[in-house]
């Protein structure tokens, strides 16, 4: 990127050419160029969107409820067969 001085020099030169190259107005050209360039840079700064600094943290995870304890499947009980005693 070119420096502000270079930008002013170019603008002053363009003002010089726009006037038809008449000598003796270099200070007026320089002052006007400086004023225009500074105004453009200030306007550019105001329009830039600045993002606030947000420190990086570990990704958020959702809290998961602990799983319910597994219960054993119901045990089938043997049929109640009474042995006949003789």
N, C-alpha and C. Protein backbone atom coordinates (compact mmCIF):
# COMPACT_ATOMS: atom_id res chain seq x y z
N UNK A 1 0.85 -1.17 0.00
CA UNK A 1 0.00 0.00 0.00
C UNK A 1 0.90 1.24 0.00
N UNK A 2 0.49 2.23 -0.77
CA UNK A 2 1.32 3.42 -0.85
C UNK A 2 1.12 4.31 0.38
N UNK A 3 2.13 5.09 0.69
CA UNK A 3 2.07 5.95 1.87
C UNK A 3 1.14 7.14 1.61
N UNK A 4 0.78 7.80 2.69
CA UNK A 4 -0.09 8.97 2.56
C UNK A 4 0.62 10.06 1.75
N UNK A 5 1.91 10.21 1.95
CA UNK A 5 2.67 11.23 1.21
C UNK A 5 2.59 10.96 -0.30
N UNK A 6 2.75 9.70 -0.68
CA UNK A 6 2.68 9.35 -2.11
C UNK A 6 1.28 9.63 -2.67
N UNK A 7 0.27 9.33 -1.87
CA UNK A 7 -1.11 9.59 -2.32
C UNK A 7 -1.33 11.09 -2.51
N UNK A 8 -0.82 11.90 -1.60
CA UNK A 8 -0.96 13.36 -1.70
C UNK A 8 -0.20 13.89 -2.92
N UNK A 9 1.02 13.36 -3.13
CA UNK A 9 1.81 13.79 -4.29
C UNK A 9 1.05 13.54 -5.59
N UNK A 10 0.47 12.34 -5.71
CA UNK A 10 -0.27 12.01 -6.93
C UNK A 10 -1.49 12.91 -7.10
N UNK A 11 -2.21 13.13 -6.00
CA UNK A 11 -3.40 13.98 -6.09
C UNK A 11 -3.01 15.41 -6.45
N UNK A 12 -1.95 15.93 -5.84
CA UNK A 12 -1.50 17.30 -6.15
C UNK A 12 -1.09 17.40 -7.63
N UNK A 13 -0.45 16.36 -8.14
CA UNK A 13 -0.04 16.37 -9.55
C UNK A 13 -1.27 16.38 -10.46
N UNK A 14 -2.30 15.59 -10.08
CA UNK A 14 -3.52 15.57 -10.89
C UNK A 14 -4.22 16.94 -10.85
N UNK A 15 -4.18 17.60 -9.71
CA UNK A 15 -4.75 18.95 -9.62
C UNK A 15 -3.97 19.92 -10.50
N UNK A 16 -2.66 19.77 -10.51
CA UNK A 16 -1.79 20.59 -11.36
C UNK A 16 -2.16 20.40 -12.84
N UNK A 17 -2.33 19.13 -13.24
CA UNK A 17 -2.70 18.86 -14.63
C UNK A 17 -4.10 19.35 -14.95
N UNK A 18 -5.01 19.21 -14.01
CA UNK A 18 -6.39 19.65 -14.20
C UNK A 18 -6.45 21.17 -14.44
N UNK A 19 -5.56 21.91 -13.82
CA UNK A 19 -5.48 23.35 -14.00
C UNK A 19 -4.76 23.73 -15.29
N UNK A 20 -4.35 22.76 -16.02
CA UNK A 20 -3.67 23.04 -17.28
C UNK A 20 -2.17 23.16 -17.14
N UNK A 21 -1.62 22.71 -16.01
CA UNK A 21 -0.18 22.71 -15.81
C UNK A 21 0.40 24.09 -15.52
N UNK A 22 -0.46 25.00 -15.07
CA UNK A 22 0.04 26.35 -14.75
C UNK A 22 0.88 26.30 -13.49
N UNK A 23 2.06 26.87 -13.54
CA UNK A 23 2.99 26.88 -12.40
C UNK A 23 2.63 27.98 -11.42
N UNK A 24 3.13 27.83 -10.19
CA UNK A 24 2.94 28.86 -9.18
C UNK A 24 1.84 28.53 -8.18
N UNK A 25 1.20 27.38 -8.33
CA UNK A 25 0.10 27.01 -7.43
C UNK A 25 0.39 25.71 -6.69
N UNK A 26 1.64 25.37 -6.57
CA UNK A 26 1.99 24.07 -5.98
C UNK A 26 1.55 23.96 -4.52
N UNK A 27 1.61 25.05 -3.76
CA UNK A 27 1.19 24.99 -2.35
C UNK A 27 -0.33 24.78 -2.24
N UNK A 28 -1.09 25.47 -3.09
CA UNK A 28 -2.54 25.29 -3.07
C UNK A 28 -2.91 23.87 -3.49
N UNK A 29 -2.21 23.36 -4.52
CA UNK A 29 -2.48 21.99 -4.96
C UNK A 29 -2.16 21.00 -3.84
N UNK A 30 -1.04 21.20 -3.19
CA UNK A 30 -0.62 20.29 -2.11
C UNK A 30 -1.62 20.33 -0.95
N UNK A 31 -2.01 21.53 -0.54
CA UNK A 31 -2.93 21.66 0.60
C UNK A 31 -4.29 21.04 0.30
N UNK A 32 -4.79 21.28 -0.90
CA UNK A 32 -6.09 20.70 -1.27
C UNK A 32 -5.98 19.18 -1.37
N UNK A 33 -4.90 18.68 -1.97
CA UNK A 33 -4.71 17.23 -2.08
C UNK A 33 -4.62 16.60 -0.69
N UNK A 34 -3.88 17.23 0.20
CA UNK A 34 -3.74 16.71 1.57
C UNK A 34 -5.09 16.66 2.27
N UNK A 35 -5.88 17.70 2.13
CA UNK A 35 -7.20 17.77 2.75
C UNK A 35 -8.11 16.66 2.21
N UNK A 36 -8.10 16.46 0.90
CA UNK A 36 -8.95 15.44 0.28
C UNK A 36 -8.54 14.03 0.70
N UNK A 37 -7.25 13.75 0.69
CA UNK A 37 -6.76 12.42 1.04
C UNK A 37 -7.08 12.11 2.50
N UNK A 38 -6.83 13.06 3.39
CA UNK A 38 -7.13 12.83 4.81
C UNK A 38 -8.62 12.59 5.02
N UNK A 39 -9.47 13.32 4.33
CA UNK A 39 -10.93 13.13 4.45
C UNK A 39 -11.32 11.73 3.96
N UNK A 40 -10.72 11.30 2.85
CA UNK A 40 -11.02 9.96 2.32
C UNK A 40 -10.59 8.87 3.30
N UNK A 41 -9.40 9.01 3.88
CA UNK A 41 -8.91 8.01 4.82
C UNK A 41 -9.75 7.97 6.09
N UNK A 42 -10.17 9.16 6.58
CA UNK A 42 -11.03 9.21 7.76
C UNK A 42 -12.37 8.55 7.50
N UNK A 43 -12.94 8.80 6.32
CA UNK A 43 -14.23 8.20 5.96
C UNK A 43 -14.10 6.68 5.87
N UNK A 44 -12.97 6.24 5.33
CA UNK A 44 -12.76 4.79 5.20
C UNK A 44 -12.66 4.13 6.57
N UNK A 45 -11.97 4.78 7.50
CA UNK A 45 -11.84 4.23 8.85
C UNK A 45 -13.18 4.12 9.54
N UNK A 46 -14.03 5.10 9.32
CA UNK A 46 -15.34 5.10 9.98
C UNK A 46 -16.26 4.02 9.44
N UNK A 47 -16.07 3.65 8.18
CA UNK A 47 -16.95 2.65 7.58
C UNK A 47 -16.48 1.22 7.81
N UNK A 48 -15.23 1.07 8.23
CA UNK A 48 -14.73 -0.28 8.48
C UNK A 48 -15.44 -0.85 9.69
N UNK A 49 -15.87 -2.07 9.57
CA UNK A 49 -16.52 -2.74 10.68
C UNK A 49 -15.45 -3.44 11.49
N UNK A 50 -15.38 -3.07 12.74
CA UNK A 50 -14.39 -3.68 13.61
C UNK A 50 -15.07 -4.75 14.45
N UNK A 51 -14.55 -5.94 14.37
CA UNK A 51 -15.08 -7.05 15.14
C UNK A 51 -14.50 -7.00 16.54
N UNK A 52 -15.34 -7.15 17.55
CA UNK A 52 -14.81 -7.16 18.91
C UNK A 52 -13.96 -8.41 19.13
N UNK A 53 -12.99 -8.28 20.00
CA UNK A 53 -12.13 -9.42 20.30
C UNK A 53 -12.90 -10.41 21.15
N UNK A 54 -12.96 -11.63 20.70
CA UNK A 54 -13.62 -12.69 21.44
C UNK A 54 -12.61 -13.81 21.61
N UNK A 55 -12.20 -14.06 22.85
CA UNK A 55 -11.21 -15.12 23.05
C UNK A 55 -11.80 -16.48 22.69
N UNK A 56 -10.96 -17.31 22.15
CA UNK A 56 -11.41 -18.66 21.79
C UNK A 56 -11.52 -19.51 23.04
N UNK A 57 -12.58 -20.25 23.11
CA UNK A 57 -12.77 -21.16 24.23
C UNK A 57 -13.11 -22.53 23.66
N UNK A 58 -13.16 -23.48 24.55
CA UNK A 58 -13.53 -24.83 24.12
C UNK A 58 -14.96 -24.79 23.62
N UNK A 59 -15.31 -25.60 22.63
CA UNK A 59 -16.67 -25.59 22.13
C UNK A 59 -17.65 -25.98 23.22
N UNK A 60 -18.78 -25.33 23.18
CA UNK A 60 -19.80 -25.62 24.18
C UNK A 60 -20.45 -26.96 23.85
N UNK A 61 -20.67 -27.74 24.86
CA UNK A 61 -21.36 -29.01 24.68
C UNK A 61 -22.62 -28.99 25.51
N UNK A 62 -23.59 -29.68 25.03
CA UNK A 62 -24.85 -29.72 25.77
C UNK A 62 -24.71 -30.71 26.91
N UNK A 63 -25.32 -30.36 28.02
CA UNK A 63 -25.30 -31.27 29.16
C UNK A 63 -26.22 -32.44 28.84
N UNK A 64 -25.72 -33.61 29.08
CA UNK A 64 -26.49 -34.82 28.80
C UNK A 64 -26.81 -35.47 30.14
N UNK A 65 -28.07 -35.77 30.32
CA UNK A 65 -28.49 -36.42 31.57
C UNK A 65 -27.89 -37.83 31.59
N UNK A 66 -27.46 -38.29 32.77
CA UNK A 66 -26.90 -39.63 32.83
C UNK A 66 -27.97 -40.66 32.44
N UNK A 67 -27.52 -41.69 31.80
CA UNK A 67 -28.45 -42.74 31.37
C UNK A 67 -29.01 -43.45 32.58
N UNK A 68 -30.26 -43.82 32.47
CA UNK A 68 -30.89 -44.56 33.56
C UNK A 68 -30.22 -45.92 33.68
N UNK A 69 -30.06 -46.41 34.90
CA UNK A 69 -29.42 -47.72 35.05
C UNK A 69 -30.26 -48.79 34.37
N UNK A 70 -29.56 -49.69 33.74
CA UNK A 70 -30.27 -50.76 33.04
C UNK A 70 -30.77 -51.75 34.09
N UNK A 71 -31.98 -52.14 33.92
CA UNK A 71 -32.53 -53.15 34.83
C UNK A 71 -32.49 -54.48 34.11
N UNK A 72 -32.31 -55.49 34.89
CA UNK A 72 -32.27 -56.83 34.32
C UNK A 72 -33.65 -57.19 33.80
N UNK A 73 -33.63 -57.98 32.77
CA UNK A 73 -34.91 -58.44 32.23
C UNK A 73 -35.59 -59.31 33.29
N UNK A 74 -36.90 -59.24 33.35
CA UNK A 74 -37.60 -60.06 34.34
C UNK A 74 -37.27 -61.54 34.14
N UNK A 75 -37.01 -62.18 35.22
CA UNK A 75 -36.68 -63.60 35.18
C UNK A 75 -37.96 -64.40 35.23
N UNK A 76 -38.04 -65.33 34.29
CA UNK A 76 -39.24 -66.20 34.30
C UNK A 76 -39.06 -67.21 35.41
N UNK A 77 -40.06 -67.32 36.19
CA UNK A 77 -39.98 -68.30 37.27
C UNK A 77 -40.58 -69.62 36.79
N UNK A 78 -39.97 -70.64 37.26
CA UNK A 78 -40.46 -71.97 36.90
C UNK A 78 -41.85 -72.14 37.47
N UNK A 79 -42.65 -72.90 36.77
CA UNK A 79 -44.01 -73.13 37.31
C UNK A 79 -43.90 -73.82 38.65
N UNK A 80 -44.78 -73.49 39.49
CA UNK A 80 -44.79 -74.04 40.85
C UNK A 80 -45.37 -75.46 40.78
N UNK A 81 -44.50 -76.37 40.67
CA UNK A 81 -44.95 -77.79 40.58
C UNK A 81 -44.60 -78.44 41.90
N UNK A 82 -45.56 -78.82 42.54
CA UNK A 82 -45.32 -79.50 43.83
C UNK A 82 -45.20 -80.99 43.58
N UNK A 83 -44.15 -81.49 44.13
CA UNK A 83 -43.97 -82.94 43.99
C UNK A 83 -44.83 -83.63 45.04
N UNK A 84 -45.45 -84.60 44.60
CA UNK A 84 -46.26 -85.38 45.54
C UNK A 84 -45.36 -86.34 46.24
N UNK A 85 -45.43 -86.31 47.52
CA UNK A 85 -44.63 -87.21 48.31
C UNK A 85 -45.48 -88.43 48.61
N UNK A 86 -44.92 -89.55 48.42
CA UNK A 86 -45.69 -90.77 48.66
C UNK A 86 -45.37 -91.32 49.95
